[in-house]
C-alpha atoms as a PDB file:
ATOM      1  CA  MET A   1      17.712   6.053  15.172  1.00  0.00           C
ATOM      2  CA  THR A   2      19.232   2.897  16.579  1.00  0.00           C
ATOM      3  CA  THR A   3      19.600   2.073  20.256  1.00  0.00           C
ATOM      4  CA  SER A   4      23.387   2.325  20.035  1.00  0.00           C
ATOM      5  CA  MET A   5      23.154   5.811  18.505  1.00  0.00           C
ATOM      6  CA  LEU A   6      20.822   6.882  21.289  1.00  0.00           C
ATOM      7  CA  TYR A   7      23.140   5.377  23.903  1.00  0.00           C
ATOM      8  CA  THR A   8      26.103   7.310  22.427  1.00  0.00           C
ATOM      9  CA  LYS A   9      24.181  10.582  22.569  1.00  0.00           C
ATOM     10  CA  ILE A  10      22.987  10.013  26.126  1.00  0.00           C
ATOM     11  CA  SER A  11      26.469   8.989  27.266  1.00  0.00           C
ATOM     12  CA  SER A  12      27.846  12.322  26.127  1.00  0.00           C
ATOM     13  CA  LEU A  13      25.429  14.266  28.360  1.00  0.00           C
ATOM     14  CA  PRO A  14      26.291  15.538  31.843  1.00  0.00           C
ATOM     15  CA  PRO A  15      24.843  13.527  34.789  1.00  0.00           C
ATOM     16  CA  SER A  16      22.079  16.064  35.518  1.00  0.00           C
ATOM     17  CA  MET A  17      20.754  15.802  31.959  1.00  0.00           C
ATOM     18  CA  ILE A  18      21.011  11.997  32.002  1.00  0.00           C
ATOM     19  CA  LYS A  19      18.705  12.099  35.020  1.00  0.00           C
ATOM     20  CA  GLU A  20      16.255  14.223  33.013  1.00  0.00           C
ATOM     21  CA  VAL A  21      16.369  11.740  30.146  1.00  0.00           C
ATOM     22  CA  ASN A  22      15.706   8.923  32.623  1.00  0.00           C
ATOM     23  CA  ASP A  23      12.763  10.834  34.115  1.00  0.00           C
ATOM     24  CA  PHE A  24      11.336  11.368  30.634  1.00  0.00           C
ATOM     25  CA  VAL A  25      11.691   7.673  29.806  1.00  0.00           C
ATOM     26  CA  GLU A  26       9.841   6.788  33.025  1.00  0.00           C
ATOM     27  CA  PHE A  27       7.127   9.277  32.022  1.00  0.00           C
ATOM     28  CA  LEU A  28       6.751   7.615  28.603  1.00  0.00           C
ATOM     29  CA  LYS A  29       6.547   4.012  29.835  1.00  0.00           C
ATOM     30  CA  PRO A  30       2.899   4.158  31.054  1.00  0.00           C
ATOM     31  CA  LYS A  31       1.830   5.696  27.721  1.00  0.00           C
ATOM     32  CA  GLN A  32       3.346   2.752  25.887  1.00  0.00           C
ATOM     33  CA  LYS A  33       1.280   0.309  27.920  1.00  0.00           C
ATOM     34  CA  LYS A  34      -1.950   2.258  27.321  1.00  0.00           C
ATOM     35  CA  ASN A  35      -1.455   2.434  23.548  1.00  0.00           C
ATOM     36  CA  LYS A  36      -1.029  -1.302  23.143  1.00  0.00           C
ATOM     37  CA  ALA A  37      -4.366  -2.756  22.118  1.00  0.00           C
ATOM     38  CA  LYS A  38      -5.194  -6.206  23.309  1.00  0.00           C
ATOM     39  CA  GLU A  39      -4.753  -8.744  20.579  1.00  0.00           C
ATOM     40  CA  ARG A  40      -8.145 -10.186  19.777  1.00  0.00           C
ATOM     41  CA  LYS A  41      -8.505 -13.902  19.648  1.00  0.00           C
ATOM     42  CA  PHE A  42     -10.520 -15.138  16.673  1.00  0.00           C
ATOM     43  CA  GLY A  43     -13.744 -16.818  17.728  1.00  0.00           C
ATOM     44  CA  CYS A  44     -13.705 -15.639  21.346  1.00  0.00           C
ATOM     45  CA  ALA A  45     -17.369 -14.514  21.149  1.00  0.00           C
ATOM     46  CA  LYS A  46     -18.604 -17.673  19.460  1.00  0.00           C
ATOM     47  CA  GLY A  47     -22.003 -18.660  20.817  1.00  0.00           C
ATOM     48  CA  LEU A  48     -22.661 -15.286  22.467  1.00  0.00           C
ATOM     49  CA  ILE A  49     -24.631 -13.879  19.538  1.00  0.00           C
ATOM     50  CA  VAL A  50     -27.601 -15.783  18.157  1.00  0.00           C
ATOM     51  CA  MET A  51     -29.383 -14.989  14.892  1.00  0.00           C
ATOM     52  CA  HIS A  52     -32.857 -16.515  14.832  1.00  0.00           C
ATOM     53  CA  ASP A  53     -34.312 -18.030  11.669  1.00  0.00           C
ATOM     54  CA  ASP A  54     -37.153 -15.485  11.589  1.00  0.00           C
ATOM     55  CA  PHE A  55     -34.799 -12.492  11.843  1.00  0.00           C
ATOM     56  CA  ASN A  56     -36.112 -10.893   8.637  1.00  0.00           C
ATOM     57  CA  ALA A  57     -39.767 -11.650   9.366  1.00  0.00           C
ATOM     58  CA  PRO A  58     -42.038  -8.619   9.817  1.00  0.00           C
ATOM     59  CA  LEU A  59     -42.501  -7.527  13.416  1.00  0.00           C
ATOM     60  CA  GLU A  60     -46.021  -7.547  14.818  1.00  0.00           C
ATOM     61  CA  ASP A  61     -45.569  -4.036  16.229  1.00  0.00           C
ATOM     62  CA  PHE A  62     -44.968  -2.591  12.763  1.00  0.00           C
ATOM     63  CA  LYS A  63     -47.602  -4.488  10.765  1.00  0.00           C
ATOM     64  CA  ASP A  64     -49.548  -1.285  10.081  1.00  0.00           C
ATOM     65  CA  CYS A  65     -46.418   0.456   8.796  1.00  0.00           C
ATOM     66  CA  TYR A  66     -45.636  -2.449   6.481  1.00  0.00           C
ATOM     67  CA  LYS A  67     -49.117  -2.281   4.981  1.00  0.00           C
ATOM     68  CA  ARG A  68     -48.767   1.455   4.296  1.00  0.00           C
ATOM     69  CA  TRP A  69     -45.279   0.988   2.842  1.00  0.00           C
ATOM     70  CA  LYS A  70     -46.428  -1.774   0.475  1.00  0.00           C
ATOM     71  CA  PHE A  71     -49.302   0.450  -0.708  1.00  0.00           C
ATOM     72  CA  SER A  72     -46.864   3.338  -1.374  1.00  0.00           C
ATOM     73  CA  GLU A  73     -44.560   1.001  -3.266  1.00  0.00           C
ATOM     74  CA  ILE A  74     -47.430  -0.114  -5.528  1.00  0.00           C
ATOM     75  CA  GLN A  75     -48.361   3.508  -6.236  1.00  0.00           C
ATOM     76  CA  CYS A  76     -44.753   4.386  -7.114  1.00  0.00           C
ATOM     77  CA  LYS A  77     -44.487   1.437  -9.514  1.00  0.00           C
ATOM     78  CA  ASN A  78     -47.728   2.527 -11.219  1.00  0.00           C
ATOM     79  CA  CYS A  79     -46.418   6.083 -11.575  1.00  0.00           C
ATOM     80  CA  LEU A  80     -43.228   4.817 -13.204  1.00  0.00           C
ATOM     81  CA  GLU A  81     -45.163   2.672 -15.647  1.00  0.00           C
ATOM     82  CA  ILE A  82     -47.365   5.604 -16.645  1.00  0.00           C
ATOM     83  CA  ALA A  83     -44.361   7.911 -17.071  1.00  0.00           C
ATOM     84  CA  ILE A  84     -42.644   5.444 -19.417  1.00  0.00           C
END
């Protein structure tokens, strides 16, 4: 529906209904503002996030878990070799 078509329809209404249409439009305006998402600017967070070189290095707190996991992995590989 074009704006001119809408204008023609509203113009044909009695004044009391035109007021209702106006009230409804005023009700809808705040919703339009809320639904508009802010346009994100590329690179606006540059320098805020740092990835250290040792990111993938094992953590000291989980050294024991790593040892157990490596042992389980070796057992699973042996089982596969035996099954084949």
